[in-house]
Every structure is written in structure tokens, then in C-alpha cells.
């Protein structure tokens, strides 16, 4: 195996590690929110620096590979793909951290179980989408990556509406629920952004496979 192939394998291994940590943060953040688990939420907040550190390491390693080995064709796409995708993973971690922080804020407020049930469903769907996106990236599976928006976006958008509608209704009917409803809305927005970044990773998968930068359709 050539040295650059060895280095690319190490780079890919670190990327997979970062992807796993980001996914774990999303899972824990969603669970902490629906279970009102402040301790778990704090774990997500505390672990965010690990994701950030991995981003820095991967970016540094990518630039070193470009400078030392001057990769071309598929090898260069691999490095550039990692450089781009780690930014999406870092932002996914940020939004998971936001959900965890909102878990803590909600503790002193009124809980609305029906809305929280919808949050639980959306968090699970977004997590599944993210895992599929990372699997397609690891396998450089263009077909799988291109199918993910059609599979998930309409459902996730509908789940967002199922949170937003009742939240606005709660605010209009009872001013005492405004702060709680705002938190539910913001959590839904965070989950929606995680979904968007998952789709970005799918777009980088297509780039790895073809060298083309595309925008996958939002359904």
C-alpha cells in the first residue's frame, strides 16, 4: 500500500470516529430532551469540545496531505470531501448541544407531553437519516446518497409542522406556555438543521464518487 493510501485510510478512520461521535450526540440530546434527563444533556454539552477537537485535527491532517503528497483525482477528492464534511459534522454537534441546553432550560417550565412525543419521533427520524448519510459517505455510495432526501425530507418536514403547529397554538391559547413553546420550536429547528447537514454529507458523497458538486433536491 502506498504511503498516501495509508494516510488516507487514517484520515477516513478519524472521520468515521467524528461521525460516530456526532451521531451519538444527536441520539443523547434527543433522549435527554424527551426524558427530561439533565445529566445526559450535560454529557452532550461537555462532549462538544471533543467533536470540535476532531474537526481541527482532521482539517490539519487534510492540509498536510495536500502539501506533502499533492494528491490528484480520486485521492484529492477524498481529502477535499473530508475537509468539507467535517464542517457539517461540527455543526451537527453544535445543534445537538443546543438541544441539550434547551433540555436544561425546560426543566423549570411547563411540559407539553403531546408536543414532546412529536419531538421524540422527529429526533429518531433525523438520527436515522444522519446514520444513512454517513454510511453512504463511508461506502462512497452515490445511489444511496441521492436517495436519502426523497426518503426522509418530506417526513421530517411534516414532523416539524407537527411540532410547530401545536406550539404556536399553545402560545396563543395560554401566555403562560410561551416560553415552553418557544423551546419546542427551537428544538424542532435544531433537528431540522441537523437534517440539512446530513443532506450536505450526501452531496459530498456524490462529489467523492463523481467529482461533481451538486445540490440534492429538498422534497
Protein backbone atom coordinates (compact mmCIF):
# COMPACT_ATOMS: atom_id res chain seq x y z
CA UNK A 1 0.00 0.00 0.00
CA UNK A 2 1.32 3.44 -0.93
CA UNK A 3 2.04 5.92 1.85
CA UNK A 4 -0.71 8.26 0.69
CA UNK A 5 -3.18 5.37 0.74
CA UNK A 6 -2.16 4.65 4.32
CA UNK A 7 -2.61 8.29 5.26
CA UNK A 8 -5.99 8.47 3.55
CA UNK A 9 -7.08 5.37 5.46
CA UNK A 10 -6.10 7.07 8.74
CA UNK A 11 -7.95 10.20 7.67
CA UNK A 12 -11.05 8.17 6.87
CA UNK A 13 -10.84 6.36 10.21
CA UNK A 14 -10.78 9.67 12.09
CA UNK A 15 -13.69 10.95 10.01
CA UNK A 16 -15.73 7.86 10.87
CA UNK A 17 -14.89 8.43 14.55
CA UNK A 18 -16.09 12.02 14.33
CA UNK A 19 -19.25 10.94 12.53
CA UNK A 20 -19.97 8.38 15.24
CA UNK A 21 -19.49 10.98 17.98
CA UNK A 22 -21.74 13.48 16.22
CA UNK A 23 -24.45 10.85 15.77
CA UNK A 24 -24.12 9.79 19.40
CA UNK A 25 -24.54 13.42 20.47
CA UNK A 26 -27.75 13.71 18.45
CA UNK A 27 -29.10 10.48 19.98
CA UNK A 28 -28.23 11.56 23.52
CA UNK A 29 -29.56 15.09 23.02
CA UNK A 30 -32.90 13.81 21.74
CA UNK A 31 -33.18 11.29 24.55
CA UNK A 32 -32.23 13.85 27.20
CA UNK A 33 -34.93 16.19 25.92
CA UNK A 34 -37.82 13.73 25.85
CA UNK A 35 -36.74 12.05 29.13
CA UNK A 36 -36.01 15.38 30.87
CA UNK A 37 -32.58 13.98 31.71
CA UNK A 38 -30.43 16.92 32.73
CA UNK A 39 -27.40 14.76 33.47
CA UNK A 40 -27.44 13.26 29.96
CA UNK A 41 -27.92 16.73 28.50
CA UNK A 42 -24.84 17.93 30.35
CA UNK A 43 -22.87 15.00 28.91
CA UNK A 44 -23.74 16.20 25.41
CA UNK A 45 -22.67 19.74 26.25
CA UNK A 46 -19.41 18.57 27.83
CA UNK A 47 -18.55 16.30 24.89
CA UNK A 48 -18.96 19.01 22.25
CA UNK A 49 -15.31 20.05 22.62
CA UNK A 50 -14.25 16.53 21.57
CA UNK A 51 -16.08 16.93 18.27
CA UNK A 52 -14.52 20.36 17.81
CA UNK A 53 -11.04 18.97 18.51
CA UNK A 54 -11.52 16.21 15.96
CA UNK A 55 -12.57 18.78 13.38
CA UNK A 56 -9.34 20.69 13.99
CA UNK A 57 -7.25 17.52 13.75
CA UNK A 58 -8.91 16.40 10.53
CA UNK A 59 -8.54 19.79 8.90
CA UNK A 60 -4.85 19.94 9.88
CA UNK A 61 -4.27 16.40 8.59
CA UNK A 62 -6.05 17.18 5.31
CA UNK A 63 -3.93 20.25 4.63
CA UNK A 64 -0.78 18.28 5.48
CA UNK A 65 -1.74 15.56 2.99
CA UNK A 66 -2.28 18.13 0.25
CA UNK A 67 1.03 19.85 0.99
CA UNK A 68 3.15 16.71 1.37
CA UNK A 69 1.71 14.37 -1.24
CA UNK A 70 -0.03 16.65 -3.75
CA UNK A 71 -2.83 14.13 -4.34
CA UNK A 72 -4.72 14.14 -7.62
CA UNK A 73 -8.02 12.77 -8.96
CA UNK A 74 -9.87 10.50 -6.52
CA UNK A 75 -7.28 10.97 -3.74
CA UNK A 76 -7.68 14.74 -3.89
CA UNK A 77 -11.48 14.42 -3.89
CA UNK A 78 -11.18 12.25 -0.79
CA UNK A 79 -9.21 14.92 1.07
CA UNK A 80 -11.43 17.79 -0.08
CA UNK A 81 -14.54 15.77 0.79
CA UNK A 82 -13.30 15.29 4.34
CA UNK A 83 -12.43 18.98 4.64
CA UNK A 84 -15.97 19.92 3.67
CA UNK A 85 -17.86 17.18 5.50
CA UNK A 86 -16.14 17.74 8.87
CA UNK A 87 -17.62 21.23 8.94
CA UNK A 88 -21.09 19.72 8.61
CA UNK A 89 -20.35 17.24 11.40
CA UNK A 90 -19.13 20.02 13.67
CA UNK A 91 -22.33 21.96 13.07
CA UNK A 92 -24.39 18.85 13.74
CA UNK A 93 -22.61 18.65 17.10
CA UNK A 94 -23.44 22.29 17.76
CA UNK A 95 -27.14 21.72 17.18
CA UNK A 96 -27.12 18.61 19.38
CA UNK A 97 -25.52 20.76 22.09
CA UNK A 98 -28.27 23.37 21.56
CA UNK A 99 -30.95 20.71 22.12
CA UNK A 100 -29.17 19.62 25.30
CA UNK A 101 -29.06 23.20 26.58
CA UNK A 102 -32.77 23.57 25.89
CA UNK A 103 -33.38 20.38 27.89
CA UNK A 104 -31.93 22.11 30.92
CA UNK A 105 -33.90 25.32 30.31
CA UNK A 106 -37.17 23.39 30.03
CA UNK A 107 -36.83 21.85 33.50
CA UNK A 108 -38.34 24.86 35.26
CA UNK A 109 -41.14 25.27 32.72
CA UNK A 110 -44.41 23.53 31.94
CA UNK A 111 -44.03 20.39 29.82
CA UNK A 112 -46.41 19.58 26.97
CA UNK A 113 -46.34 15.78 26.53
CA UNK A 114 -48.13 15.70 23.16
CA UNK A 115 -45.57 18.02 21.59
CA UNK A 116 -42.71 16.13 23.23
CA UNK A 117 -43.97 12.91 21.64
CA UNK A 118 -43.62 14.61 18.25
CA UNK A 119 -40.13 15.82 19.15
CA UNK A 120 -39.18 12.24 20.01
CA UNK A 121 -40.35 11.00 16.60
CA UNK A 122 -38.53 13.78 14.76
CA UNK A 123 -35.30 13.17 16.68
CA UNK A 124 -35.42 9.46 15.85
CA UNK A 125 -36.07 10.13 12.15
CA UNK A 126 -33.29 12.70 11.90
CA UNK A 127 -30.86 10.33 13.64
CA UNK A 128 -31.73 7.55 11.18
CA UNK A 129 -31.23 9.93 8.25
CA UNK A 130 -27.85 11.05 9.59
CA UNK A 131 -26.68 7.47 10.03
CA UNK A 132 -27.75 6.61 6.49
CA UNK A 133 -25.90 9.67 5.20
CA UNK A 134 -22.70 8.69 6.98
CA UNK A 135 -22.99 5.10 5.77
CA UNK A 136 -23.36 6.28 2.18
CA UNK A 137 -20.30 8.53 2.61
CA UNK A 138 -18.17 5.73 4.07
CA UNK A 139 -19.13 3.45 1.18
CA UNK A 140 -18.90 6.24 -1.42
CA UNK A 141 -22.36 5.06 -2.47
CA UNK A 142 -23.71 7.70 -4.85
CA UNK A 143 -27.02 5.94 -5.40
CA UNK A 144 -27.74 5.62 -1.69
CA UNK A 145 -26.76 9.24 -1.06
CA UNK A 146 -29.03 10.56 -3.79
CA UNK A 147 -31.98 8.53 -2.46
CA UNK A 148 -31.79 9.91 1.09
CA UNK A 149 -33.52 13.29 0.52
CA UNK A 150 -36.51 11.63 -1.14
CA UNK A 151 -36.68 9.06 1.66
CA UNK A 152 -36.58 11.48 4.58
CA UNK A 153 -37.19 15.14 3.77
CA UNK A 154 -40.94 15.12 3.32
CA UNK A 155 -41.42 13.09 6.50
CA UNK A 156 -39.09 15.30 8.55
CA UNK A 157 -40.70 18.48 7.25
CA UNK A 158 -44.08 17.06 8.24
CA UNK A 159 -42.78 16.24 11.71
CA UNK A 160 -41.53 19.81 12.07
CA UNK A 161 -45.04 21.06 11.27
CA UNK A 162 -46.47 18.70 13.90
CA UNK A 163 -44.30 20.43 16.49
CA UNK A 164 -44.63 23.99 15.22
CA UNK A 165 -48.42 24.00 14.82
CA UNK A 166 -49.27 22.87 18.38
CA UNK A 167 -46.53 25.11 19.79
CA UNK A 168 -47.99 28.23 18.17
CA UNK A 169 -51.45 27.14 19.25
CA UNK A 170 -50.28 26.72 22.85
CA UNK A 171 -48.77 30.20 22.83
CA UNK A 172 -51.96 31.78 21.51
CA UNK A 173 -54.20 29.96 23.99
CA UNK A 174 -52.12 30.32 27.13
CA UNK A 175 -49.47 33.06 27.56
CA UNK A 176 -48.03 31.03 30.42
CA UNK A 177 -46.85 28.43 27.90
CA UNK A 178 -44.97 30.83 25.65
CA UNK A 179 -41.51 30.04 27.00
CA UNK A 180 -42.09 26.28 26.80
CA UNK A 181 -43.50 26.52 23.28
CA UNK A 182 -40.54 28.61 22.12
CA UNK A 183 -38.18 25.89 23.33
CA UNK A 184 -40.12 23.23 21.41
CA UNK A 185 -39.94 25.36 18.28
CA UNK A 186 -36.21 25.90 18.65
CA UNK A 187 -35.57 22.19 19.23
CA UNK A 188 -37.53 21.41 16.06
CA UNK A 189 -35.40 23.97 14.22
CA UNK A 190 -32.20 22.40 15.57
CA UNK A 191 -33.34 18.97 14.41
CA UNK A 192 -34.23 20.40 11.03
CA UNK A 193 -30.77 21.88 10.67
CA UNK A 194 -29.18 18.54 11.61
CA UNK A 195 -31.21 17.00 8.80
CA UNK A 196 -29.96 19.68 6.40
CA UNK A 197 -26.34 18.97 7.31
CA UNK A 198 -26.98 15.27 6.80
CA UNK A 199 -28.08 16.08 3.26
CA UNK A 200 -24.89 18.11 2.82
CA UNK A 201 -22.91 14.98 3.65
CA UNK A 202 -24.87 13.15 0.95
CA UNK A 203 -23.83 15.86 -1.51
CA UNK A 204 -20.18 15.34 -0.57
CA UNK A 205 -20.68 11.62 -1.14
CA UNK A 206 -21.75 12.37 -4.71
CA UNK A 207 -18.68 14.59 -5.06
CA UNK A 208 -16.43 11.75 -3.87
CA UNK A 209 -17.97 9.39 -6.39
CA UNK A 210 -18.15 11.70 -9.41
CA UNK A 211 -16.13 14.85 -8.81
CA UNK A 212 -19.32 16.89 -9.33
CA UNK A 213 -20.66 19.36 -6.77
CA UNK A 214 -24.44 19.15 -6.80
CA UNK A 215 -27.37 20.29 -4.71
CA UNK A 216 -29.68 17.45 -3.82
CA UNK A 217 -33.36 18.26 -4.09
CA UNK A 218 -35.31 19.10 -0.96
CA UNK A 219 -38.71 17.43 -1.04
